[in-house]
C-alpha atoms as a PDB file:
ATOM      1  CA  MET A   1     -16.167   2.855   5.655  1.00  0.00           C
ATOM      2  CA  ALA A   2     -12.434   2.616   7.107  1.00  0.00           C
ATOM      3  CA  LYS A   3      -9.754   0.869   4.914  1.00  0.00           C
ATOM      4  CA  MET A   4      -6.988  -1.760   6.433  1.00  0.00           C
ATOM      5  CA  ILE A   5      -3.700  -1.022   5.185  1.00  0.00           C
ATOM      6  CA  VAL A   6      -0.874  -2.849   5.886  1.00  0.00           C
ATOM      7  CA  ILE A   7       2.316  -0.521   5.402  1.00  0.00           C
ATOM      8  CA  THR A   8       5.497  -3.167   5.453  1.00  0.00           C
ATOM      9  CA  GLY A   9       8.693  -0.795   6.659  1.00  0.00           C
ATOM     10  CA  ALA A  10       6.423   2.160   7.972  1.00  0.00           C
ATOM     11  CA  SER A  11       8.683   3.137  10.923  1.00  0.00           C
ATOM     12  CA  THR A  12      10.768   5.317   8.614  1.00  0.00           C
ATOM     13  CA  GLY A  13      11.540   7.332   5.348  1.00  0.00           C
ATOM     14  CA  ILE A  14       8.717   6.466   2.429  1.00  0.00           C
ATOM     15  CA  GLY A  15       7.020   3.799   4.672  1.00  0.00           C
ATOM     16  CA  ALA A  16       6.339   6.442   7.274  1.00  0.00           C
ATOM     17  CA  GLU A  17       5.294   9.051   5.135  1.00  0.00           C
ATOM     18  CA  THR A  18       2.810   6.978   3.202  1.00  0.00           C
ATOM     19  CA  ALA A  19       1.537   5.783   6.632  1.00  0.00           C
ATOM     20  CA  ARG A  20       0.970   9.738   7.368  1.00  0.00           C
ATOM     21  CA  LEU A  21      -0.722  10.323   3.867  1.00  0.00           C
ATOM     22  CA  LEU A  22      -3.291   7.300   4.210  1.00  0.00           C
ATOM     23  CA  ALA A  23      -3.807   8.093   7.386  1.00  0.00           C
ATOM     24  CA  GLU A  24      -6.936  10.133   7.956  1.00  0.00           C
ATOM     25  CA  GLY A  25     -10.102   7.897   8.669  1.00  0.00           C
ATOM     26  CA  ASN A  26      -8.157   4.544   7.938  1.00  0.00           C
ATOM     27  CA  ASN A  27      -6.550   1.401  10.589  1.00  0.00           C
ATOM     28  CA  ILE A  28      -2.894   1.592   9.452  1.00  0.00           C
ATOM     29  CA  PHE A  29      -0.890  -1.681  10.259  1.00  0.00           C
ATOM     30  CA  ILE A  30       2.532   0.040  10.766  1.00  0.00           C
ATOM     31  CA  HIS A  31       5.108  -2.850  10.271  1.00  0.00           C
ATOM     32  CA  TYR A  32       8.726  -2.473  11.885  1.00  0.00           C
ATOM     33  CA  ASN A  33      11.743  -4.715  12.510  1.00  0.00           C
ATOM     34  CA  SER A  34      13.967  -2.937  14.883  1.00  0.00           C
ATOM     35  CA  SER A  35      13.277   0.650  14.867  1.00  0.00           C
ATOM     36  CA  ARG A  36      10.233   0.528  17.743  1.00  0.00           C
ATOM     37  CA  GLU A  37      10.891   4.071  18.349  1.00  0.00           C
ATOM     38  CA  ALA A  38      10.351   5.448  15.193  1.00  0.00           C
ATOM     39  CA  ALA A  39       7.406   3.299  14.329  1.00  0.00           C
ATOM     40  CA  GLU A  40       5.732   4.400  17.669  1.00  0.00           C
ATOM     41  CA  GLN A  41       6.457   8.011  16.467  1.00  0.00           C
ATOM     42  CA  THR A  42       4.690   7.529  12.962  1.00  0.00           C
ATOM     43  CA  ALA A  43       1.557   5.716  15.313  1.00  0.00           C
ATOM     44  CA  ALA A  44       1.305   9.244  16.796  1.00  0.00           C
ATOM     45  CA  GLU A  45       1.472  11.087  13.964  1.00  0.00           C
ATOM     46  CA  VAL A  46      -1.198   8.438  12.579  1.00  0.00           C
ATOM     47  CA  GLN A  47      -3.414   9.033  15.045  1.00  0.00           C
ATOM     48  CA  ASP A  48      -2.974  12.932  15.150  1.00  0.00           C
ATOM     49  CA  ARG A  49      -4.189  12.362  11.515  1.00  0.00           C
ATOM     50  CA  GLY A  50      -7.295  10.766  12.565  1.00  0.00           C
ATOM     51  CA  GLY A  51      -6.370   7.273  12.002  1.00  0.00           C
ATOM     52  CA  THR A  52      -6.177   4.251  13.672  1.00  0.00           C
ATOM     53  CA  ALA A  53      -2.588   2.696  14.024  1.00  0.00           C
ATOM     54  CA  HIS A  54      -1.346  -0.857  15.141  1.00  0.00           C
ATOM     55  CA  LEU A  55       2.475  -1.768  15.512  1.00  0.00           C
ATOM     56  CA  ILE A  56       3.501  -5.093  14.540  1.00  0.00           C
ATOM     57  CA  GLN A  57       7.459  -6.248  14.630  1.00  0.00           C
ATOM     58  CA  ALA A  58       8.569  -8.927  12.128  1.00  0.00           C
ATOM     59  CA  ASP A  59      11.672  -9.868  10.874  1.00  0.00           C
ATOM     60  CA  LEU A  60      10.756 -10.179   6.834  1.00  0.00           C
ATOM     61  CA  PHE A  61      13.809 -11.730   5.669  1.00  0.00           C
ATOM     62  CA  GLY A  62      12.594 -15.129   6.862  1.00  0.00           C
ATOM     63  CA  GLU A  63       9.375 -17.312   6.233  1.00  0.00           C
ATOM     64  CA  ALA A  64       8.914 -16.980   9.956  1.00  0.00           C
ATOM     65  CA  GLY A  65       8.616 -13.139  10.261  1.00  0.00           C
ATOM     66  CA  CYS A  66       6.214 -12.816   7.236  1.00  0.00           C
ATOM     67  CA  ASN A  67       3.920 -15.643   8.911  1.00  0.00           C
ATOM     68  CA  ALA A  68       3.962 -13.600  12.249  1.00  0.00           C
ATOM     69  CA  LEU A  69       3.318 -10.487  10.121  1.00  0.00           C
ATOM     70  CA  TYR A  70       0.137 -12.721   8.922  1.00  0.00           C
ATOM     71  CA  SER A  71      -0.783 -13.869  12.220  1.00  0.00           C
ATOM     72  CA  GLU A  72      -0.727 -10.231  13.624  1.00  0.00           C
ATOM     73  CA  VAL A  73      -2.893  -8.908  10.925  1.00  0.00           C
ATOM     74  CA  SER A  74      -5.358 -11.327  11.330  1.00  0.00           C
ATOM     75  CA  VAL A  75      -6.037 -11.097  15.303  1.00  0.00           C
ATOM     76  CA  LEU A  76      -6.674  -7.612  14.632  1.00  0.00           C
ATOM     77  CA  THR A  77      -9.013  -7.913  11.221  1.00  0.00           C
ATOM     78  CA  ASN A  78     -10.268 -10.392   8.881  1.00  0.00           C
ATOM     79  CA  ARG A  79      -9.386  -8.504   6.056  1.00  0.00           C
ATOM     80  CA  VAL A  80      -6.716  -6.278   4.073  1.00  0.00           C
ATOM     81  CA  ASP A  81      -7.755  -3.905   1.658  1.00  0.00           C
ATOM     82  CA  VAL A  82      -4.407  -2.660   0.710  1.00  0.00           C
ATOM     83  CA  LEU A  83      -0.888  -3.809   1.200  1.00  0.00           C
ATOM     84  CA  VAL A  84       2.049  -1.306   0.861  1.00  0.00           C
ATOM     85  CA  ASN A  85       5.363  -3.439   0.326  1.00  0.00           C
ATOM     86  CA  ASN A  86       7.911  -1.234   1.833  1.00  0.00           C
ATOM     87  CA  ALA A  87      10.288  -3.336   3.447  1.00  0.00           C
ATOM     88  CA  GLY A  88      13.978  -2.818   2.130  1.00  0.00           C
ATOM     89  CA  GLY A  89      16.354  -2.682   5.099  1.00  0.00           C
ATOM     90  CA  LEU A  90      17.990  -5.606   3.114  1.00  0.00           C
ATOM     91  CA  ILE A  91      19.110  -2.818   1.015  1.00  0.00           C
ATOM     92  CA  GLN A  92      20.504  -0.912   3.193  1.00  0.00           C
ATOM     93  CA  ARG A  93      20.278   3.074   3.003  1.00  0.00           C
ATOM     94  CA  GLN A  94      23.158   4.041   0.974  1.00  0.00           C
ATOM     95  CA  PRO A  95      23.849   6.584  -2.068  1.00  0.00           C
ATOM     96  CA  CYS A  96      22.460   5.149  -5.326  1.00  0.00           C
ATOM     97  CA  SER A  97      24.997   3.734  -7.063  1.00  0.00           C
ATOM     98  CA  PHE A  98      26.172   0.252  -8.599  1.00  0.00           C
ATOM     99  CA  ASN A  99      27.646  -1.311  -5.589  1.00  0.00           C
ATOM    100  CA  LEU A 100      24.447  -3.153  -4.290  1.00  0.00           C
ATOM    101  CA  THR A 101      25.208  -6.957  -4.452  1.00  0.00           C
ATOM    102  CA  GLU A 102      23.231  -9.816  -5.895  1.00  0.00           C
ATOM    103  CA  ASN A 103      22.386 -10.745  -2.505  1.00  0.00           C
ATOM    104  CA  HIS A 104      21.090  -7.551  -1.456  1.00  0.00           C
ATOM    105  CA  LEU A 105      18.338  -7.624  -4.645  1.00  0.00           C
ATOM    106  CA  GLN A 106      17.427 -11.049  -4.105  1.00  0.00           C
ATOM    107  CA  GLY A 107      16.891 -10.050  -0.315  1.00  0.00           C
ATOM    108  CA  ALA A 108      14.649  -7.261  -1.134  1.00  0.00           C
ATOM    109  CA  VAL A 109      12.780  -9.651  -3.792  1.00  0.00           C
ATOM    110  CA  ARG A 110      11.929 -12.588  -1.327  1.00  0.00           C
ATOM    111  CA  ILE A 111      10.481  -9.535   1.183  1.00  0.00           C
ATOM    112  CA  CYS A 112       8.204  -9.021  -1.541  1.00  0.00           C
ATOM    113  CA  LEU A 113       7.148 -12.396  -3.039  1.00  0.00           C
ATOM    114  CA  ARG A 114       6.432 -13.617   0.415  1.00  0.00           C
ATOM    115  CA  LEU A 115       4.048 -10.524   0.958  1.00  0.00           C
ATOM    116  CA  ARG A 116       1.420 -11.443  -1.307  1.00  0.00           C
ATOM    117  CA  VAL A 117      -2.046  -9.918  -0.820  1.00  0.00           C
ATOM    118  CA  ARG A 118      -3.507 -13.098  -1.611  1.00  0.00           C
ATOM    119  CA  ASP A 119      -1.668 -14.681   1.598  1.00  0.00           C
ATOM    120  CA  LEU A 120      -2.887 -11.594   3.812  1.00  0.00           C
ATOM    121  CA  ARG A 121      -6.342 -11.516   2.465  1.00  0.00           C
ATOM    122  CA  GLN A 122      -7.006 -15.342   3.513  1.00  0.00           C
ATOM    123  CA  ALA A 123      -5.317 -14.070   7.065  1.00  0.00           C
END
């Protein structure tokens, strides 16, 4: 049976590669914030690998964006089998260093805490 897999931050990088790796025979919900073209490319690659792709745009920095993601998923399915909590645009892509501020780290943690598997399963 096909798995319902939600991947946040799936338009580029680790999220996109995860979507490609999990694609075969599964339904992949590709979350993105502002990188629609990249998300569309990832969706095409998921389909090329035998998966079904669904694009979902949401700004997960705030609670409203998390609620929007829940709502979109619930329209398409009544279950989520796997959540890959990868969204991290708040941290920004930069060389590994100790220049990250407390605000960057708190933002990344907020995203993770708002996207709880329990809530997605209820969607």
